[in-house]
Amino acid sequence: MYYNPVNALASVITATTTGTKVTDLIVAASGVGADFESGLNEIIISNEDATNGVRLLPGIAPTATAGLLIAAGKTVKLTGTSCTDWFIASTASTVSCSVLLGKTNRN
């Protein structure tokens, strides 16, 4: 991982049942905005909730019941994909997730 978040707040996002771009949630969490460098192709998301899951989809907003599930307390790492294309939604209520963006190769 080689992306440095604008501040520590940008490393924790809050997903709701409305599908939202992960990068938009990072900008909102930072409180100051963010300028994402080109070529980010790795994302790590850790679900910090003890009960509820989150769902991810590339290019389209997931719903509370449709999309790649990250169960409560689990972490996923997606590589070789554009970080700016991923959307996230919680399965219920609001869910906090730690998130890191990066590049798989340092060229």
Protein backbone atom coordinates (compact mmCIF):
# COMPACT_ATOMS: atom_id res chain seq x y z
CA MET A 1 0.00 0.00 0.00
CA TYR A 2 1.39 3.37 -0.97
CA TYR A 3 -1.45 5.85 -0.66
CA ASN A 4 -1.27 8.25 2.25
CA PRO A 5 -4.71 9.39 3.44
CA VAL A 6 -5.15 13.12 3.86
CA ASN A 7 -5.65 12.55 7.63
CA ALA A 8 -6.45 9.74 10.06
CA LEU A 9 -10.19 10.43 9.83
CA ALA A 10 -10.08 9.41 6.15
CA SER A 11 -9.20 5.83 7.13
CA VAL A 12 -12.60 5.11 8.69
CA ILE A 13 -15.79 5.40 6.65
CA THR A 14 -19.44 4.97 7.62
CA ALA A 15 -21.57 2.89 5.28
CA THR A 16 -25.36 3.21 5.27
CA THR A 17 -28.03 1.15 3.54
CA THR A 18 -27.75 3.53 0.57
CA GLY A 19 -25.01 2.43 -1.83
CA THR A 20 -22.30 5.11 -2.00
CA LYS A 21 -18.88 5.33 -3.65
CA VAL A 22 -16.13 4.36 -1.22
CA THR A 23 -14.05 7.36 -2.32
CA ASP A 24 -16.98 9.73 -1.61
CA LEU A 25 -17.19 8.32 1.92
CA ILE A 26 -13.43 8.80 2.37
CA VAL A 27 -13.77 12.45 1.32
CA ALA A 28 -16.71 12.93 3.71
CA ALA A 29 -14.86 11.25 6.59
CA SER A 30 -11.72 13.35 6.10
CA GLY A 31 -13.59 16.60 6.63
CA VAL A 32 -11.22 18.33 4.21
CA GLY A 33 -11.61 16.44 0.96
CA ALA A 34 -9.10 14.25 -0.78
CA ASP A 35 -7.20 14.18 -4.05
CA PHE A 36 -6.75 10.56 -5.13
CA GLU A 37 -3.66 9.84 -7.21
CA SER A 38 -4.10 7.94 -10.45
CA GLY A 39 -3.44 4.24 -10.67
CA LEU A 40 -4.81 3.22 -7.27
CA ASN A 41 -5.68 -0.45 -7.80
CA GLU A 42 -5.84 -2.03 -4.36
CA ILE A 43 -8.42 -1.59 -1.61
CA ILE A 44 -8.54 -3.12 1.86
CA ILE A 45 -11.80 -2.82 3.79
CA SER A 46 -12.29 -4.07 7.36
CA ASN A 47 -15.81 -4.23 8.73
CA GLU A 48 -15.57 -2.93 12.30
CA ASP A 49 -19.17 -3.74 13.22
CA ALA A 50 -19.89 -6.66 15.56
CA THR A 51 -23.28 -7.50 14.03
CA ASN A 52 -23.99 -6.01 10.60
CA GLY A 53 -22.27 -6.60 7.29
CA VAL A 54 -21.51 -4.41 4.31
CA ARG A 55 -21.78 -5.16 0.60
CA LEU A 56 -19.53 -4.02 -2.26
CA LEU A 57 -19.97 -3.79 -6.01
CA PRO A 58 -17.84 -2.22 -8.75
CA GLY A 59 -19.49 0.44 -10.88
CA ILE A 60 -22.97 0.12 -9.39
CA ALA A 61 -24.47 0.68 -5.97
CA PRO A 62 -25.14 -2.48 -3.94
CA THR A 63 -28.18 -2.88 -1.73
CA ALA A 64 -28.58 -4.29 1.76
CA THR A 65 -29.19 -7.71 0.19
CA ALA A 66 -27.17 -7.69 -3.05
CA GLY A 67 -23.42 -7.40 -3.61
CA LEU A 68 -20.20 -8.94 -2.31
CA LEU A 69 -20.74 -9.46 1.43
CA ILE A 70 -18.15 -8.51 4.04
CA ALA A 71 -19.51 -10.05 7.23
CA ALA A 72 -19.20 -8.36 10.62
CA GLY A 73 -15.60 -8.34 11.82
CA LYS A 74 -14.14 -9.51 8.48
CA THR A 75 -11.60 -7.92 6.11
CA VAL A 76 -11.27 -8.13 2.33
CA LYS A 77 -8.43 -7.09 0.03
CA LEU A 78 -9.24 -6.40 -3.62
CA THR A 79 -6.36 -5.98 -6.05
CA GLY A 80 -6.13 -5.18 -9.74
CA THR A 81 -9.24 -3.01 -9.71
CA SER A 82 -9.83 0.72 -9.88
CA CYS A 83 -10.45 1.96 -6.34
CA THR A 84 -12.62 4.80 -7.55
CA ASP A 85 -15.20 2.39 -9.02
CA TRP A 86 -16.30 0.60 -5.82
CA PHE A 87 -19.59 1.27 -4.04
CA ILE A 88 -20.51 0.14 -0.51
CA ALA A 89 -23.76 -0.30 1.43
CA SER A 90 -24.51 -1.68 4.88
CA THR A 91 -26.84 -4.62 5.39
CA ALA A 92 -28.59 -2.74 8.21
CA SER A 93 -28.21 0.52 10.08
CA THR A 94 -24.80 2.23 9.80
CA VAL A 95 -21.51 0.34 9.77
CA SER A 96 -18.01 1.70 10.36
CA CYS A 97 -15.25 0.30 8.15
CA SER A 98 -11.52 0.87 8.08
CA VAL A 99 -10.34 1.46 4.54
CA LEU A 100 -6.98 1.78 2.80
CA LEU A 101 -6.32 2.45 -0.87
CA GLY A 102 -3.09 1.72 -2.65
CA LYS A 103 -1.16 0.33 -5.57
CA THR A 104 -0.20 -3.29 -5.96
CA ASN A 105 3.14 -2.33 -7.50
CA ARG A 106 5.44 0.57 -6.78
CA ASN A 107 6.66 1.52 -10.25
